[in-house]
Protein backbone atom coordinates (compact mmCIF):
# COMPACT_ATOMS: atom_id res chain seq x y z
CA UNK A 1 132.51 232.35 -0.12
CA UNK A 2 132.55 234.15 3.52
CA UNK A 3 135.25 236.33 4.97
CA UNK A 4 137.87 234.47 6.67
CA UNK A 5 139.28 236.87 8.56
CA UNK A 6 136.39 236.97 10.40
CA UNK A 7 136.11 234.61 13.37
CA UNK A 8 134.17 230.75 12.79
CA UNK A 9 131.34 232.73 15.20
CA UNK A 10 130.90 236.00 13.07
CA UNK A 11 131.44 233.82 10.25
CA UNK A 12 128.30 231.89 10.40
CA UNK A 13 126.16 234.54 11.25
CA UNK A 14 127.41 236.05 7.88
CA UNK A 15 127.25 232.74 5.93
CA UNK A 16 123.53 232.54 7.42
CA UNK A 17 122.87 236.41 6.78
CA UNK A 18 123.54 235.49 2.64
CA UNK A 19 121.71 232.52 2.43
CA UNK A 20 118.83 232.56 5.21
CA UNK A 21 118.97 228.87 5.81
CA UNK A 22 119.75 226.71 8.85
CA UNK A 23 121.10 223.60 8.81
CA UNK A 24 117.11 221.87 9.66
CA UNK A 25 116.01 223.98 6.91
CA UNK A 26 118.55 222.09 4.33
CA UNK A 27 116.38 218.89 5.73
CA UNK A 28 112.83 220.46 5.11
CA UNK A 29 113.56 221.90 1.40
CA UNK A 30 115.24 218.77 0.68
CA UNK A 31 111.69 216.93 1.18
CA UNK A 32 109.63 219.82 0.25
CA UNK A 33 111.73 219.87 -3.39
CA UNK A 34 111.54 216.20 -4.10
CA UNK A 35 108.29 215.06 -2.31
CA UNK A 36 107.36 212.17 -4.64
CA UNK A 37 111.30 210.90 -5.77
CA UNK A 38 112.62 208.03 -4.34
CA UNK A 39 114.85 209.42 -1.21
CA UNK A 40 116.36 206.27 0.87
CA UNK A 41 116.70 202.64 -0.23
CA UNK A 42 117.80 199.57 1.89
CA UNK A 43 120.33 197.86 -0.84
CA UNK A 44 118.76 194.76 -2.08
CA UNK A 45 115.69 195.76 0.04
CA UNK A 46 112.47 198.43 -0.04
CA UNK A 47 112.60 202.23 -0.74
CA UNK A 48 111.49 205.69 0.76
CA UNK A 49 110.23 208.28 -0.72
CA UNK A 50 110.91 211.49 0.75
CA UNK A 51 107.02 212.01 1.28
CA UNK A 52 107.40 209.05 3.18
CA UNK A 53 110.37 210.27 5.00
CA UNK A 54 108.76 213.14 6.16
CA UNK A 55 105.81 210.76 7.23
CA UNK A 56 108.17 208.37 9.53
CA UNK A 57 109.83 211.70 10.78
CA UNK A 58 106.93 213.15 11.71
CA UNK A 59 105.16 210.21 13.47
CA UNK A 60 108.78 210.09 15.52
CA UNK A 61 108.04 213.68 16.84
CA UNK A 62 104.78 212.63 18.19
CA UNK A 63 106.31 210.15 19.76
CA UNK A 64 108.87 211.71 21.43
CA UNK A 65 106.53 214.34 22.49
CA UNK A 66 103.96 211.92 23.78
CA UNK A 67 106.51 210.12 25.63
CA UNK A 68 108.13 212.95 27.53
CA UNK A 69 111.10 213.75 25.19
CA UNK A 70 112.26 217.56 25.24
CA UNK A 71 114.51 219.53 23.09
CA UNK A 72 117.83 218.62 24.67
CA UNK A 73 117.43 215.42 25.53
CA UNK A 74 119.65 212.96 24.21
CA UNK A 75 118.77 210.07 21.61
CA UNK A 76 121.20 207.17 21.07
CA UNK A 77 120.97 205.18 17.40
CA UNK A 78 122.87 202.40 17.39
CA UNK A 79 122.53 200.20 14.15
CA UNK A 80 123.98 199.11 10.94
CA UNK A 81 123.10 201.67 8.00
CA UNK A 82 119.61 201.87 6.73
CA UNK A 83 116.66 203.67 5.30
CA UNK A 84 115.32 203.91 8.81
CA UNK A 85 118.64 204.45 10.77
CA UNK A 86 118.72 207.69 8.51
CA UNK A 87 114.87 208.66 9.27
CA UNK A 88 115.59 208.75 13.14
CA UNK A 89 118.70 210.69 13.11
CA UNK A 90 116.73 212.84 10.68
CA UNK A 91 113.77 213.14 13.23
CA UNK A 92 116.20 213.32 16.51
CA UNK A 93 117.31 216.68 14.78
CA UNK A 94 114.49 218.17 13.03
CA UNK A 95 112.39 218.08 17.10
CA UNK A 96 115.64 219.62 18.52
CA UNK A 97 116.56 216.96 20.49
CA UNK A 98 120.48 215.50 20.77
CA UNK A 99 121.29 212.49 18.66
CA UNK A 100 123.95 210.45 19.82
CA UNK A 101 125.19 207.97 17.28
CA UNK A 102 126.95 204.87 18.44
CA UNK A 103 128.95 202.67 16.09
CA UNK A 104 127.32 198.89 16.28
CA UNK A 105 130.98 197.51 15.90
CA UNK A 106 131.54 198.70 19.47
CA UNK A 107 130.94 195.91 21.81
CA UNK A 108 128.00 195.95 24.48
CA UNK A 109 129.91 197.36 26.93
CA UNK A 110 130.95 200.19 24.96
CA UNK A 111 127.77 200.45 23.48
CA UNK A 112 126.54 200.77 27.55
CA UNK A 113 129.13 203.34 28.30
CA UNK A 114 127.95 205.47 25.44
CA UNK A 115 124.55 205.41 26.73
CA UNK A 116 124.88 205.59 29.94
CA UNK A 117 127.81 208.67 29.91
CA UNK A 118 125.64 210.61 27.43
CA UNK A 119 122.54 210.57 29.77
CA UNK A 120 120.68 208.83 26.41
CA UNK A 121 116.61 208.50 27.30
CA UNK A 122 116.01 206.62 24.45
CA UNK A 123 118.01 204.28 22.49
CA UNK A 124 117.37 202.88 19.04
CA UNK A 125 118.80 200.12 17.93
CA UNK A 126 119.23 197.66 15.03
CA UNK A 127 118.38 193.79 15.09
CA UNK A 128 122.06 192.52 15.64
CA UNK A 129 122.38 195.20 18.22
CA UNK A 130 119.17 194.27 19.71
CA UNK A 131 120.51 190.79 20.63
CA UNK A 132 123.91 191.93 22.41
CA UNK A 133 122.86 194.54 24.40
CA UNK A 134 122.01 194.19 28.11
CA UNK A 135 118.80 196.52 29.47
CA UNK A 136 120.09 196.32 32.95
CA UNK A 137 123.54 197.72 31.83
CA UNK A 138 121.67 200.90 31.16
CA UNK A 139 119.54 201.53 34.06
CA UNK A 140 118.45 205.06 33.10
CA UNK A 141 117.06 204.61 29.50
CA UNK A 142 113.36 205.19 29.40
CA UNK A 143 113.01 202.79 26.65
CA UNK A 144 114.46 200.70 23.85
CA UNK A 145 113.21 200.78 20.25
CA UNK A 146 113.57 198.48 17.07
CA UNK A 147 114.71 200.45 14.69
CA UNK A 148 113.14 197.94 11.27
CA UNK A 149 109.67 198.47 12.36
CA UNK A 150 109.92 201.40 15.58
CA UNK A 151 108.60 199.07 17.79
CA UNK A 152 109.36 198.85 21.65
CA UNK A 153 112.06 196.29 22.91
CA UNK A 154 112.12 198.06 25.99
CA UNK A 155 109.79 200.64 28.10
CA UNK A 156 110.30 201.62 31.54
CA UNK A 157 107.88 204.47 31.07
CA UNK A 158 103.77 204.16 30.49
CA UNK A 159 103.80 207.15 28.69
CA UNK A 160 106.30 205.84 25.99
CA UNK A 161 104.25 202.75 26.13
CA UNK A 162 100.71 204.03 25.90
CA UNK A 163 102.52 206.51 22.85
CA UNK A 164 103.53 203.75 20.96
CA UNK A 165 100.02 202.20 21.12
CA UNK A 166 98.27 204.53 20.00
CA UNK A 167 101.10 206.43 17.49
CA UNK A 168 98.93 205.68 14.08
CA UNK A 169 95.51 206.93 16.37
CA UNK A 170 97.56 210.40 17.41
CA UNK A 171 98.75 210.71 13.88
CA UNK A 172 94.85 210.27 12.47
CA UNK A 173 94.04 212.80 14.80
CA UNK A 174 96.84 215.43 14.05
CA UNK A 175 96.13 215.19 10.28
CA UNK A 176 92.57 214.13 10.03
CA UNK A 177 93.16 215.10 5.87
CA UNK A 178 96.35 213.40 5.24
CA UNK A 179 99.86 214.82 6.29
CA UNK A 180 100.54 217.48 3.51
CA UNK A 181 104.04 219.47 2.61
CA UNK A 182 102.40 222.40 4.61
CA UNK A 183 102.68 220.45 7.48
CA UNK A 184 106.75 220.71 7.72
CA UNK A 185 107.77 222.97 9.90
CA UNK A 186 110.40 221.56 12.51
CA UNK A 187 113.11 222.60 14.49
CA UNK A 188 114.70 225.76 13.78
CA UNK A 189 118.60 225.54 15.05
CA UNK A 190 120.80 227.87 15.96
CA UNK A 191 124.55 228.30 15.24
CA UNK A 192 126.02 227.27 18.75
CA UNK A 193 123.62 224.87 19.65
CA UNK A 194 124.19 221.25 19.99
CA UNK A 195 123.66 218.87 17.32
CA UNK A 196 124.90 215.47 18.06
CA UNK A 197 127.61 213.75 20.44
CA UNK A 198 129.88 211.58 18.37
CA UNK A 199 132.47 209.23 20.50
CA UNK A 200 135.54 208.20 18.92
CA UNK A 201 135.63 205.36 20.90
CA UNK A 202 133.77 202.68 23.21
CA UNK A 203 134.43 204.79 26.60
CA UNK A 204 135.34 202.63 29.25
CA UNK A 205 135.71 205.95 32.12
CA UNK A 206 137.68 208.26 29.96
CA UNK A 207 134.85 209.75 27.76
CA UNK A 208 135.80 211.54 24.51
CA UNK A 209 132.15 212.41 23.40
CA UNK A 210 132.69 215.22 20.39
CA UNK A 211 130.13 217.44 20.96
CA UNK A 212 129.24 219.15 17.46
CA UNK A 213 127.00 222.21 17.33
CA UNK A 214 124.57 222.96 14.37
CA UNK A 215 127.19 225.36 12.83
CA UNK A 216 129.80 222.51 12.11
CA UNK A 217 127.07 220.56 10.33
CA UNK A 218 126.12 223.31 8.31
CA UNK A 219 129.58 224.09 7.50
CA UNK A 220 130.21 220.50 6.15
CA UNK A 221 127.46 221.02 3.84
CA UNK A 222 127.47 224.34 2.38
CA UNK A 223 131.24 223.29 1.65
CA UNK A 224 129.83 220.07 -0.12
CA UNK A 225 127.02 221.77 -1.51
CA UNK A 226 129.28 224.66 -3.36
CA UNK A 227 132.17 222.11 -4.04
CA UNK A 228 131.03 218.81 -5.02
CA UNK A 229 127.15 219.14 -5.45
CA UNK A 230 127.55 221.42 -8.82
CA UNK A 231 129.07 218.44 -10.70
CA UNK A 232 126.33 215.83 -9.68
CA UNK A 233 123.60 215.41 -11.68
CA UNK A 234 119.84 216.82 -9.89
CA UNK A 235 118.44 213.37 -7.98
CA UNK A 236 121.45 211.31 -8.24
CA UNK A 237 121.94 207.54 -7.00
CA UNK A 238 124.96 207.31 -4.19
CA UNK A 239 125.46 204.44 -2.19
CA UNK A 240 126.39 204.60 1.48
CA UNK A 241 129.30 202.28 2.29
CA UNK A 242 130.55 203.94 5.75
CA UNK A 243 128.97 203.77 8.83
CA UNK A 244 126.82 206.53 9.79
CA UNK A 245 127.41 206.40 13.02
CA UNK A 246 131.49 207.95 11.93
CA UNK A 247 131.01 211.48 10.76
CA UNK A 248 132.73 210.89 7.46
CA UNK A 249 129.75 208.56 6.55
CA UNK A 250 127.45 210.60 8.45
CA UNK A 251 127.86 214.31 6.62
CA UNK A 252 129.45 213.36 3.13
CA UNK A 253 127.59 209.77 1.96
CA UNK A 254 124.52 210.39 4.12
CA UNK A 255 123.67 214.16 5.08
CA UNK A 256 125.23 216.25 1.53
CA UNK A 257 123.19 213.69 -0.71
CA UNK A 258 120.08 213.73 1.20
CA UNK A 259 120.26 217.41 1.25
CA UNK A 260 121.07 218.04 -1.95
CA UNK A 261 118.21 215.88 -3.24
CA UNK A 262 119.93 212.38 -4.65
CA UNK A 263 118.50 208.66 -4.24
CA UNK A 264 120.85 206.72 -1.34
CA UNK A 265 121.06 203.70 -1.44
CA UNK A 266 122.30 201.78 2.21
CA UNK A 267 124.54 198.98 2.13
CA UNK A 268 122.95 197.65 5.40
CA UNK A 269 125.19 194.28 5.37
CA UNK A 270 128.91 193.65 5.71
CA UNK A 271 130.65 195.56 3.33
CA UNK A 272 133.24 193.00 2.18
CA UNK A 273 134.90 194.18 -1.36
CA UNK A 274 132.65 191.92 -3.15
CA UNK A 275 129.71 192.96 -1.82
CA UNK A 276 131.01 197.01 -2.51
CA UNK A 277 132.16 195.60 -5.83
CA UNK A 278 128.44 194.08 -6.90
CA UNK A 279 126.97 197.33 -5.36
CA UNK A 280 129.03 199.46 -7.38
CA UNK A 281 127.61 197.93 -10.49
CA UNK A 282 124.39 197.97 -9.14
CA UNK A 283 123.90 201.13 -7.90
CA UNK A 284 126.13 202.86 -10.38
CA UNK A 285 126.82 206.05 -8.26
CA UNK A 286 127.74 209.39 -9.19
CA UNK A 287 130.15 209.71 -6.87
CA UNK A 288 132.00 207.32 -4.86
CA UNK A 289 133.01 207.98 -1.04
CA UNK A 290 135.10 205.53 0.44
CA UNK A 291 138.19 204.52 2.98
CA UNK A 292 142.07 203.11 1.29
CA UNK A 293 140.96 199.74 2.23
CA UNK A 294 138.14 199.29 -0.05
CA UNK A 295 139.89 201.43 -3.16
CA UNK A 296 143.05 199.35 -2.51
CA UNK A 297 141.51 196.37 -2.39
CA UNK A 298 139.38 196.32 -5.03
CA UNK A 299 142.41 197.28 -7.42
CA UNK A 300 144.22 194.87 -6.35
CA UNK A 301 141.97 191.98 -6.51
CA UNK A 302 140.25 193.31 -9.45
CA UNK A 303 142.49 195.48 -11.73
CA UNK A 304 145.83 195.03 -11.19
CA UNK A 305 145.60 191.34 -12.31
CA UNK A 306 144.14 192.04 -15.63
CA UNK A 307 146.92 194.91 -16.79
CA UNK A 308 150.12 193.05 -15.01
CA UNK A 309 150.39 190.68 -17.77
CA UNK A 310 153.88 191.29 -20.39
CA UNK A 311 152.18 192.61 -23.71
CA UNK A 312 150.18 195.41 -21.23
CA UNK A 313 153.66 196.03 -19.24
CA UNK A 314 155.27 196.63 -22.95
CA UNK A 315 152.46 198.42 -24.49
CA UNK A 316 152.90 200.94 -21.40
CA UNK A 317 156.59 201.58 -22.74
CA UNK A 318 155.60 202.20 -26.04
CA UNK A 319 154.97 206.23 -26.48
CA UNK A 320 152.92 205.61 -29.91
CA UNK A 321 150.36 203.54 -27.81
CA UNK A 322 150.70 204.44 -24.54
CA UNK A 323 148.37 206.99 -23.82
CA UNK A 324 145.42 204.82 -25.55
CA UNK A 325 146.36 201.45 -23.30
CA UNK A 326 146.36 204.06 -19.61
CA UNK A 327 142.67 205.40 -21.08
CA UNK A 328 141.66 201.50 -21.58
CA UNK A 329 142.67 201.03 -18.03
CA UNK A 330 141.27 204.17 -17.03
CA UNK A 331 137.79 202.56 -18.02
CA UNK A 332 138.48 199.11 -16.53
CA UNK A 333 138.89 200.73 -13.61
CA UNK A 334 136.33 203.73 -13.68
CA UNK A 335 133.85 200.21 -14.77
CA UNK A 336 134.92 198.65 -11.50
CA UNK A 337 133.84 201.61 -9.76
CA UNK A 338 130.30 201.99 -11.23
CA UNK A 339 131.12 203.53 -14.74
CA UNK A 340 129.34 207.03 -13.52
CA UNK A 341 130.84 208.45 -10.94
CA UNK A 342 132.16 212.35 -11.01
CA UNK A 343 135.46 211.20 -9.03
CA UNK A 344 136.52 208.62 -6.40
CA UNK A 345 137.24 210.61 -2.47
CA UNK A 346 138.80 209.16 -0.16
CA UNK A 347 139.45 209.71 3.06
CA UNK A 348 139.60 208.12 7.09
CA UNK A 349 143.51 207.13 6.25
CA UNK A 350 146.05 208.01 3.69
CA UNK A 351 146.07 206.06 -0.14
CA UNK A 352 148.88 204.06 -0.31
CA UNK A 353 151.50 205.68 -2.88
CA UNK A 354 151.56 203.00 -5.10
CA UNK A 355 147.94 202.85 -5.60
CA UNK A 356 147.25 206.33 -5.86
CA UNK A 357 150.26 206.90 -8.48
CA UNK A 358 148.57 204.41 -10.50
CA UNK A 359 145.40 206.12 -10.24
CA UNK A 360 147.04 209.58 -11.18
CA UNK A 361 149.03 208.08 -13.64
CA UNK A 362 146.13 206.47 -15.70
CA UNK A 363 144.31 209.96 -15.02
CA UNK A 364 141.66 208.75 -12.99
CA UNK A 365 139.42 210.82 -11.47
CA UNK A 366 140.48 210.39 -7.96
CA UNK A 367 141.28 213.11 -4.37
CA UNK A 368 142.18 212.82 -1.47
CA UNK A 369 140.24 214.87 2.07
CA UNK A 370 141.51 215.18 5.37
CA UNK A 371 139.35 215.88 8.28
CA UNK A 372 138.65 214.29 12.19
CA UNK A 373 135.37 213.62 14.43
CA UNK A 374 135.96 217.21 16.02
CA UNK A 375 135.80 218.69 12.75
CA UNK A 376 132.24 217.15 11.59
CA UNK A 377 134.41 216.05 9.62
CA UNK A 378 136.11 218.68 7.20
CA UNK A 379 139.14 220.23 7.02
CA UNK A 380 141.04 220.04 3.52
CA UNK A 381 139.37 218.83 0.24
CA UNK A 382 140.19 219.49 -3.25
CA UNK A 383 138.39 218.34 -6.12
CA UNK A 384 140.46 216.15 -8.46
CA UNK A 385 141.37 218.42 -11.20
CA UNK A 386 143.64 220.24 -8.51
CA UNK A 387 144.51 217.36 -6.55
CA UNK A 388 148.67 217.06 -5.96
CA UNK A 389 149.82 213.75 -4.99
CA UNK A 390 150.70 212.74 -1.77
CA UNK A 391 148.25 216.14 -0.49
CA UNK A 392 145.32 215.69 1.02
CA UNK A 393 144.13 219.07 -0.51
CA UNK A 394 143.51 222.46 0.49
CA UNK A 395 141.56 223.76 3.84
CA UNK A 396 138.07 223.73 2.93
CA UNK A 397 135.47 227.03 3.13
CA UNK A 398 134.96 228.42 6.36
CA UNK A 399 137.95 226.49 7.86
CA UNK A 400 141.94 228.17 8.29
CA UNK A 401 144.90 225.83 8.55
CA UNK A 402 147.75 226.31 9.65
CA UNK A 403 151.21 223.94 10.33
CA UNK A 404 153.09 224.84 13.59
CA UNK A 405 156.37 224.66 12.55
CA UNK A 406 159.51 227.46 11.97
CA UNK A 407 159.42 226.07 8.06
CA UNK A 408 156.01 224.68 7.26
CA UNK A 409 156.82 223.67 3.31
CA UNK A 410 159.49 221.63 4.42
CA UNK A 411 159.78 220.77 8.23
CA UNK A 412 156.73 218.44 9.38
CA UNK A 413 154.76 220.12 12.70
CA UNK A 414 151.71 219.58 13.64
CA UNK A 415 148.42 220.70 11.98
CA UNK A 416 145.95 222.72 13.86
CA UNK A 417 142.37 224.04 12.41
CA UNK A 418 140.13 226.61 13.33
CA UNK A 419 136.60 227.71 11.68
CA UNK A 420 133.11 226.82 11.62
CA UNK A 421 133.59 223.11 11.82
CA UNK A 422 135.04 222.92 14.96
CA UNK A 423 133.25 221.09 18.15
CA UNK A 424 132.46 222.74 21.36
CA UNK A 425 134.33 220.05 22.98
CA UNK A 426 134.10 216.86 24.34
CA UNK A 427 131.27 216.24 26.41
CA UNK A 428 131.69 216.43 30.37
CA UNK A 429 135.67 216.34 30.00
CA UNK A 430 136.76 219.75 30.21
CA UNK A 431 140.20 218.89 30.84
CA UNK A 432 140.57 216.88 27.61
CA UNK A 433 138.77 219.77 25.50
CA UNK A 434 141.71 222.21 27.03
CA UNK A 435 143.95 219.87 25.58
CA UNK A 436 143.23 220.02 22.10
CA UNK A 437 141.30 223.61 22.19
CA UNK A 438 143.55 226.56 22.50
CA UNK A 439 142.56 230.10 23.73
CA UNK A 440 142.68 231.06 20.36
CA UNK A 441 139.87 228.73 18.88
CA UNK A 442 142.74 226.35 17.37
CA UNK A 443 142.23 222.78 17.37
CA UNK A 444 145.34 220.52 17.44
CA UNK A 445 144.92 217.95 15.57
CA UNK A 446 147.85 215.51 17.00
CA UNK A 447 148.73 214.93 12.87
CA UNK A 448 152.19 215.91 11.68
CA UNK A 449 152.39 218.02 8.44
CA UNK A 450 153.96 220.50 6.35
CA UNK A 451 151.59 222.92 3.42
CA UNK A 452 152.98 223.93 0.21
CA UNK A 453 152.78 227.38 -1.18
CA UNK A 454 149.76 227.52 -2.56
CA UNK A 455 148.24 225.57 0.47
CA UNK A 456 147.86 222.22 -0.18
CA UNK A 457 148.72 219.86 2.79
CA UNK A 458 150.81 216.77 3.36
CA UNK A 459 150.13 214.51 6.49
CA UNK A 460 153.16 212.84 7.73
CA UNK A 461 151.71 211.14 10.54
CA UNK A 462 150.79 211.19 13.94
CA UNK A 463 152.37 212.91 16.84
CA UNK A 464 152.13 209.83 19.10
CA UNK A 465 152.72 207.27 16.64
CA UNK A 466 156.16 208.95 15.65
CA UNK A 467 159.30 206.78 16.60
CA UNK A 468 162.91 208.01 17.61
CA UNK A 469 165.46 205.93 16.26
CA UNK A 470 168.56 204.76 18.49
CA UNK A 471 170.82 208.02 17.13
CA UNK A 472 167.75 210.23 18.05
CA UNK A 473 166.20 210.75 14.40
CA UNK A 474 162.64 211.43 13.89
CA UNK A 475 160.85 208.30 12.53
CA UNK A 476 157.36 208.05 10.95
CA UNK A 477 156.40 204.70 10.88
CA UNK A 478 153.11 205.41 8.48
CA UNK A 479 156.13 206.02 5.69
CA UNK A 480 157.44 202.76 6.23
CA UNK A 481 154.36 200.48 6.41
CA UNK A 482 153.36 202.76 2.58
CA UNK A 483 156.44 201.22 1.29
CA UNK A 484 156.26 197.70 2.97
CA UNK A 485 152.29 197.05 2.07
CA UNK A 486 153.36 197.41 -1.53
CA UNK A 487 155.96 194.25 -1.73
CA UNK A 488 155.29 190.97 -2.49
CA UNK A 489 152.45 189.42 -0.46
CA UNK A 490 151.66 191.92 2.13
CA UNK A 491 148.20 192.27 2.93
CA UNK A 492 148.69 194.67 6.18
CA UNK A 493 151.27 195.74 8.10
CA UNK A 494 152.45 197.86 11.24
CA UNK A 495 155.66 198.88 12.35
CA UNK A 496 156.60 198.88 15.94
CA UNK A 497 159.63 199.30 17.92
CA UNK A 498 160.93 196.66 20.03
CA UNK A 499 164.56 197.49 22.08
CA UNK A 500 165.29 200.40 20.10
CA UNK A 501 164.98 198.28 17.17
CA UNK A 502 162.24 198.71 14.13
CA UNK A 503 160.22 195.82 13.60
CA UNK A 504 157.24 195.20 11.22
CA UNK A 505 154.29 192.81 11.35
CA UNK A 506 153.02 191.22 8.72
CA UNK A 507 149.46 189.98 7.66
CA UNK A 508 150.54 188.27 4.47
CA UNK A 509 148.04 187.31 1.57
CA UNK A 510 147.46 183.77 2.65
CA UNK A 511 144.64 183.98 -0.55
CA UNK A 512 147.41 184.44 -3.00
CA UNK A 513 150.09 182.47 -0.96
CA UNK A 514 147.95 178.86 -0.71
CA UNK A 515 147.08 179.52 -4.44
CA UNK A 516 150.93 179.51 -5.36
CA UNK A 517 151.64 176.75 -2.86
CA UNK A 518 153.39 178.43 -0.54
CA UNK A 519 154.43 177.35 2.68
CA UNK A 520 154.96 179.11 6.09
CA UNK A 521 158.82 178.93 6.09
CA UNK A 522 158.57 180.45 2.07
CA UNK A 523 156.37 183.08 3.27
CA UNK A 524 159.25 184.17 5.96
CA UNK A 525 161.75 184.08 3.12
CA UNK A 526 159.96 186.53 1.00
CA UNK A 527 159.30 188.81 3.92
CA UNK A 528 163.07 188.77 4.62
CA UNK A 529 163.95 189.63 0.91
CA UNK A 530 161.16 192.33 1.45
CA UNK A 531 162.99 193.75 4.27
CA UNK A 532 166.22 193.72 2.25
CA UNK A 533 164.94 195.72 -0.69
CA UNK A 534 163.16 198.14 2.07
CA UNK A 535 165.74 199.08 3.80
CA UNK A 536 167.76 199.92 0.49
CA UNK A 537 165.11 202.39 0.20
CA UNK A 538 165.02 203.32 3.34
CA UNK A 539 167.74 205.87 5.97
CA UNK A 540 169.73 203.45 7.33
CA UNK A 541 168.24 204.93 10.89
CA UNK A 542 165.19 203.48 9.73
CA UNK A 543 165.55 200.32 8.93
CA UNK A 544 164.13 196.99 9.49
CA UNK A 545 165.68 194.89 11.87
CA UNK A 546 163.07 191.60 11.11
CA UNK A 547 159.70 190.93 9.43
CA UNK A 548 157.17 188.82 12.13
CA UNK A 549 154.49 187.28 10.51
CA UNK A 550 151.04 188.00 11.92
CA UNK A 551 148.69 184.80 10.98
CA UNK A 552 145.53 186.85 11.57
CA UNK A 553 143.91 190.16 9.93
CA UNK A 554 144.48 193.31 12.60
CA UNK A 555 142.13 195.16 14.38
CA UNK A 556 140.35 198.04 12.44
CA UNK A 557 138.75 201.13 13.60
CA UNK A 558 135.01 201.89 12.32
CA UNK A 559 137.17 203.74 9.04
CA UNK A 560 139.40 200.62 8.64
CA UNK A 561 142.57 201.73 9.88
CA UNK A 562 144.91 199.47 12.25
CA UNK A 563 144.51 199.47 16.05
CA UNK A 564 148.22 200.53 16.14
CA UNK A 565 148.34 200.81 19.85
CA UNK A 566 146.92 196.88 19.99
CA UNK A 567 150.64 195.93 18.87
CA UNK A 568 152.80 198.07 19.95
C-alpha cells in the first residue's frame, strides 16, 4: 500500500511507478486477457464478448475521429443500464474525451440543462430518453446518437452524418485484415486529467457537476481489485442493478468487474424487488452490490415471513439448536441473493438497524461502505470479516479520514477526507468548490460521524438534516426514522419539524394492510401505538408529537434515499 503520509498527488505517482498501469490500461489489459470470454450481457438479452466490446469501442473512436470530436470534448450519455451504454462510456474514456453520464431518471429539463451546462458535443440516448428530450432545447449539441444501435437520432454536422453513414466502410479500410488484439493502443491518461463530470442532481442554474480526474477512478479501482478482487473467482458473473450514471454503480458494479475480467449482466429494466430477486436466482452473482432499500425489501417480504412462526422463534431461544436454526436461516437468505456471493455490500444510505442486526446475528456476510460522488465514490469500507455493526468501515487505501470534533470517538463532528479519490472541484462553480474543499485538500462531506479507536467510522446524520429541539438539543432525524421504520406497517418514513414539534410522515405498507382488512382509521390507530412505543425508546426532547399518513411513496434519489427537502 502507498505511503499515507504523502499528499494524494505524490501518492498517485508512487503507486503509478509501482504498477506502471494507467486507468485506461486496466481497460485494455482486461480486454486483451479475456478476448474470447463473455463480457457484457443485457439481462434476458444478447451478450458481447470482450473482443466484441473492443471492436465496438474502435468503431466509436472512428466515428469521433471523423466527426470532429477532439480529446477533452464532452460526450453525454443518458439511458438505462445496458451493454451499449457501457461500451459508449469505455469508448469515451479510451478516446480521451470527457464522459458526462446523466441519470435517465432525471426529467427532460434537467437532462437539457446538464447537456448545455457541460457543453457536451454529442449526446448518446437510450430508447426511453429519446422520446422525452427536445433537441431544440439543446441548441449547441452537434448530434444525438441512439445507444441501442448507434444510429443517428439527430445530426447538425455534415461530418458526423458522413462518418456514421460510412462507418463500416471506414472500419474496413483501417483494418483490412480484421481488427485484432495487437491493434489496441488507446488514450494514455494522466493522473490529474479530467475523466468525467458527474452531476449530483439535475441542474437548474446552480450546477453541481463533479469533476473527477483519472486518479480518482484509478484509486477506487485499485482498492477494489486489492480488497475484493482476490476473493472473487476468475471470470465470475456479476449483476449490475444500480444506475451506471451514479458513481456507486459505475465504480463498483461496472468498472471494477469489467477491469477484473468478469461477465457483467445489466438489469436494463425497472429494478423492482421481484425482478431483482429473479435476477439473483438466474445470474447467481459472485458479489452483491446494493442500496439498503433493495436488501430490506427482499428480507422483509421473502425472508421474515418464513422465520417469524412461533416454532422458529421458540427454537431460536433454545441454546441446543439455536446455532443450527441460525445457519438454516442464513442459508435461506444466502439463497435469496443467488447463493454464490462472497459478500453483500451495502452503500448509498444507512442500512436499517433491525435488518443489520438480523444479518449480523445469523452470521450473514454483509458489510456497509460509505462514499460520495465527490470521491468517485469510496471513502470507507471493510470486508465483512471486519464489519462492525453500525459502522461503514475504515478508510480505504489512498484516503485519509478524520472527524472534526474535540472527542471523535464520542462526540459527532463533520467527516472530512482527502486523498487520491477526491474530485478536482465542481465544473464552472468555484464558489461551491471552495465551500467543500479547503486549502489543505480536505473534502468536507457535510456528514456527521464518530470514529472508533481502530478507525471504524459511524455516520450519525447529515449536518443540514440536523434538527434543534425546543431546549436546544441536537436531534438527528435519521436515528428516529431507523427505529420507526421497523415498526408495524411502516413502509417508509421521514421526520420533520413543524412549529418546534417533531412530526413523522409515514407511508404505510398498504399491501399488507389490505390483506389484513385494515381501514385508514385502523392504520392511524396502529401508527399512534407506534408513536407511543417509539417515544418510550427516545429521549424526551426528541419525542414525536404525531404521525401523519402519507398516501404515496416518497420521492427518491437514484440511490433510493428520500428527497427530504421536498417534505420539510
